[in-house]
């Protein structure tokens, strides 16, 4: 089943860095496909927020003539939220601790995106 394969990709991603605290693959309409989230986080809520961010960011990049959306990065006081486009219909959401080596996390996340796209074809 695709969900198990995507969860396996997320497991590999999360184990690539101690600074990654959670990850999820969300469809562009806001439905969680697979996720590794702390028990206090509702995957449906994350899906809805990711879809809203994705829609607004796509519109913003189009209006500002920035080309096709690639990624969204949100920095909070305690860490980061990263959203990376995973094909036309999905997005990878990753959270990381403050002080994380974002370059390495983005490298691993992009590798995970390629694997997710392959699995969800």
C-alpha atoms as a PDB file:
ATOM      1  CA  UNK A   1       0.000   0.000   0.000  1.00  0.00           C
ATOM      2  CA  UNK A   2       1.222   3.522  -0.813  1.00  0.00           C
ATOM      3  CA  UNK A   3       0.641   4.818   2.723  1.00  0.00           C
ATOM      4  CA  UNK A   4       3.086   2.257   4.147  1.00  0.00           C
ATOM      5  CA  UNK A   5       5.706   3.091   1.526  1.00  0.00           C
ATOM      6  CA  UNK A   6       5.347   6.827   2.167  1.00  0.00           C
ATOM      7  CA  UNK A   7       5.563   6.214   5.923  1.00  0.00           C
ATOM      8  CA  UNK A   8       8.791   4.304   5.286  1.00  0.00           C
ATOM      9  CA  UNK A   9      10.181   7.319   3.409  1.00  0.00           C
ATOM     10  CA  UNK A  10       9.173   9.554   6.335  1.00  0.00           C
ATOM     11  CA  UNK A  11      10.881   7.182   8.786  1.00  0.00           C
ATOM     12  CA  UNK A  12      14.088   7.422   6.767  1.00  0.00           C
ATOM     13  CA  UNK A  13      13.802  11.217   6.656  1.00  0.00           C
ATOM     14  CA  UNK A  14      13.150  11.576  10.375  1.00  0.00           C
ATOM     15  CA  UNK A  15      16.068   9.301  11.230  1.00  0.00           C
ATOM     16  CA  UNK A  16      18.423  11.338   9.007  1.00  0.00           C
ATOM     17  CA  UNK A  17      18.624  14.154  11.591  1.00  0.00           C
ATOM     18  CA  UNK A  18      17.971  14.384  15.312  1.00  0.00           C
ATOM     19  CA  UNK A  19      16.734  17.922  14.633  1.00  0.00           C
ATOM     20  CA  UNK A  20      13.706  16.752  12.610  1.00  0.00           C
ATOM     21  CA  UNK A  21      10.782  16.601  15.017  1.00  0.00           C
ATOM     22  CA  UNK A  22       7.923  15.599  12.690  1.00  0.00           C
ATOM     23  CA  UNK A  23       7.026  14.998   9.074  1.00  0.00           C
ATOM     24  CA  UNK A  24       3.929  14.420   6.990  1.00  0.00           C
ATOM     25  CA  UNK A  25       2.818  14.074   3.408  1.00  0.00           C
ATOM     26  CA  UNK A  26      -0.352  16.013   2.691  1.00  0.00           C
ATOM     27  CA  UNK A  27      -2.440  16.089  -0.472  1.00  0.00           C
ATOM     28  CA  UNK A  28      -2.945  19.534  -1.971  1.00  0.00           C
ATOM     29  CA  UNK A  29      -6.588  19.387  -0.881  1.00  0.00           C
ATOM     30  CA  UNK A  30      -5.491  18.992   2.753  1.00  0.00           C
ATOM     31  CA  UNK A  31      -5.812  15.259   3.379  1.00  0.00           C
ATOM     32  CA  UNK A  32      -2.993  13.584   5.311  1.00  0.00           C
ATOM     33  CA  UNK A  33      -1.530  10.715   3.275  1.00  0.00           C
ATOM     34  CA  UNK A  34       1.070   9.585   5.828  1.00  0.00           C
ATOM     35  CA  UNK A  35       2.581  11.195   8.893  1.00  0.00           C
ATOM     36  CA  UNK A  36       4.977  10.855  11.798  1.00  0.00           C
ATOM     37  CA  UNK A  37       3.718  13.440  14.258  1.00  0.00           C
ATOM     38  CA  UNK A  38       3.799  13.790  18.040  1.00  0.00           C
ATOM     39  CA  UNK A  39       0.631  12.375  19.611  1.00  0.00           C
ATOM     40  CA  UNK A  40      -0.633  15.843  20.607  1.00  0.00           C
ATOM     41  CA  UNK A  41      -0.763  17.056  16.978  1.00  0.00           C
ATOM     42  CA  UNK A  42      -3.876  16.391  14.890  1.00  0.00           C
ATOM     43  CA  UNK A  43      -2.924  15.282  11.359  1.00  0.00           C
ATOM     44  CA  UNK A  44      -6.201  16.581   9.908  1.00  0.00           C
ATOM     45  CA  UNK A  45      -5.509  20.024  11.307  1.00  0.00           C
ATOM     46  CA  UNK A  46      -1.956  19.977   9.929  1.00  0.00           C
ATOM     47  CA  UNK A  47      -3.392  18.936   6.567  1.00  0.00           C
ATOM     48  CA  UNK A  48      -5.844  21.811   6.508  1.00  0.00           C
ATOM     49  CA  UNK A  49      -3.190  24.363   7.480  1.00  0.00           C
ATOM     50  CA  UNK A  50      -0.709  23.001   4.940  1.00  0.00           C
ATOM     51  CA  UNK A  51      -3.312  23.187   2.170  1.00  0.00           C
ATOM     52  CA  UNK A  52      -4.144  26.789   3.097  1.00  0.00           C
ATOM     53  CA  UNK A  53      -0.450  27.772   3.145  1.00  0.00           C
ATOM     54  CA  UNK A  54       0.128  26.003  -0.137  1.00  0.00           C
ATOM     55  CA  UNK A  55      -2.793  27.719  -1.871  1.00  0.00           C
ATOM     56  CA  UNK A  56      -1.795  31.163  -0.613  1.00  0.00           C
ATOM     57  CA  UNK A  57       1.868  30.625  -1.455  1.00  0.00           C
ATOM     58  CA  UNK A  58       1.040  29.398  -4.968  1.00  0.00           C
ATOM     59  CA  UNK A  59      -1.062  32.491  -5.524  1.00  0.00           C
ATOM     60  CA  UNK A  60       1.667  34.744  -4.118  1.00  0.00           C
ATOM     61  CA  UNK A  61       4.398  33.282  -6.320  1.00  0.00           C
ATOM     62  CA  UNK A  62       2.142  33.634  -9.358  1.00  0.00           C
ATOM     63  CA  UNK A  63       1.207  37.255  -8.561  1.00  0.00           C
ATOM     64  CA  UNK A  64       4.829  38.219  -7.928  1.00  0.00           C
ATOM     65  CA  UNK A  65       6.047  36.356 -11.031  1.00  0.00           C
ATOM     66  CA  UNK A  66       8.370  34.153  -8.970  1.00  0.00           C
ATOM     67  CA  UNK A  67       7.723  31.031 -11.000  1.00  0.00           C
ATOM     68  CA  UNK A  68       6.435  27.718  -9.748  1.00  0.00           C
ATOM     69  CA  UNK A  69       6.363  27.247  -5.957  1.00  0.00           C
ATOM     70  CA  UNK A  70       9.213  25.095  -4.681  1.00  0.00           C
ATOM     71  CA  UNK A  71       9.212  25.436  -0.904  1.00  0.00           C
ATOM     72  CA  UNK A  72       7.844  27.373   2.030  1.00  0.00           C
ATOM     73  CA  UNK A  73       9.934  28.015   5.137  1.00  0.00           C
ATOM     74  CA  UNK A  74       8.459  29.314   8.376  1.00  0.00           C
ATOM     75  CA  UNK A  75      10.729  30.231  11.275  1.00  0.00           C
ATOM     76  CA  UNK A  76       9.338  30.367  14.773  1.00  0.00           C
ATOM     77  CA  UNK A  77      11.114  31.042  18.041  1.00  0.00           C
ATOM     78  CA  UNK A  78      11.462  27.323  18.736  1.00  0.00           C
ATOM     79  CA  UNK A  79      12.109  25.953  15.282  1.00  0.00           C
ATOM     80  CA  UNK A  80      11.129  25.690  11.650  1.00  0.00           C
ATOM     81  CA  UNK A  81       8.309  24.392   9.498  1.00  0.00           C
ATOM     82  CA  UNK A  82       9.222  23.485   5.950  1.00  0.00           C
ATOM     83  CA  UNK A  83       6.801  22.626   3.168  1.00  0.00           C
ATOM     84  CA  UNK A  84       8.183  21.225  -0.072  1.00  0.00           C
ATOM     85  CA  UNK A  85       6.156  20.535  -3.183  1.00  0.00           C
ATOM     86  CA  UNK A  86       6.081  16.768  -3.830  1.00  0.00           C
ATOM     87  CA  UNK A  87       4.726  16.470  -7.334  1.00  0.00           C
ATOM     88  CA  UNK A  88       1.542  18.180  -8.461  1.00  0.00           C
ATOM     89  CA  UNK A  89      -0.762  16.779  -5.797  1.00  0.00           C
ATOM     90  CA  UNK A  90       1.235  16.483  -2.576  1.00  0.00           C
ATOM     91  CA  UNK A  91       3.408  18.446  -0.200  1.00  0.00           C
ATOM     92  CA  UNK A  92       5.998  17.264   2.324  1.00  0.00           C
ATOM     93  CA  UNK A  93       5.802  19.006   5.694  1.00  0.00           C
ATOM     94  CA  UNK A  94       8.821  18.837   7.995  1.00  0.00           C
ATOM     95  CA  UNK A  95       9.385  20.466  11.369  1.00  0.00           C
ATOM     96  CA  UNK A  96      12.847  21.012  12.812  1.00  0.00           C
ATOM     97  CA  UNK A  97      14.300  22.341  16.032  1.00  0.00           C
ATOM     98  CA  UNK A  98      15.826  25.790  16.405  1.00  0.00           C
ATOM     99  CA  UNK A  99      19.513  25.620  15.536  1.00  0.00           C
ATOM    100  CA  UNK A 100      19.015  22.774  13.079  1.00  0.00           C
ATOM    101  CA  UNK A 101      21.342  22.533  10.108  1.00  0.00           C
ATOM    102  CA  UNK A 102      18.735  23.531   7.550  1.00  0.00           C
ATOM    103  CA  UNK A 103      20.948  22.891   4.554  1.00  0.00           C
ATOM    104  CA  UNK A 104      21.300  19.232   5.478  1.00  0.00           C
ATOM    105  CA  UNK A 105      17.636  18.917   6.367  1.00  0.00           C
ATOM    106  CA  UNK A 106      16.616  20.459   3.029  1.00  0.00           C
ATOM    107  CA  UNK A 107      18.972  18.089   1.209  1.00  0.00           C
ATOM    108  CA  UNK A 108      17.399  15.088   2.969  1.00  0.00           C
ATOM    109  CA  UNK A 109      13.899  16.485   2.467  1.00  0.00           C
ATOM    110  CA  UNK A 110      14.460  16.903  -1.276  1.00  0.00           C
ATOM    111  CA  UNK A 111      15.669  13.317  -1.460  1.00  0.00           C
ATOM    112  CA  UNK A 112      12.533  12.255   0.400  1.00  0.00           C
ATOM    113  CA  UNK A 113      10.387  14.271  -2.030  1.00  0.00           C
ATOM    114  CA  UNK A 114      11.866  12.366  -4.976  1.00  0.00           C
ATOM    115  CA  UNK A 115      11.062   9.069  -3.262  1.00  0.00           C
ATOM    116  CA  UNK A 116       7.544  10.220  -2.362  1.00  0.00           C
ATOM    117  CA  UNK A 117       6.853  11.255  -5.937  1.00  0.00           C
ATOM    118  CA  UNK A 118       8.023   7.832  -7.140  1.00  0.00           C
ATOM    119  CA  UNK A 119       5.839   6.005  -4.605  1.00  0.00           C
ATOM    120  CA  UNK A 120       2.708   8.055  -5.298  1.00  0.00           C
ATOM    121  CA  UNK A 121       2.819   7.748  -9.112  1.00  0.00           C
END
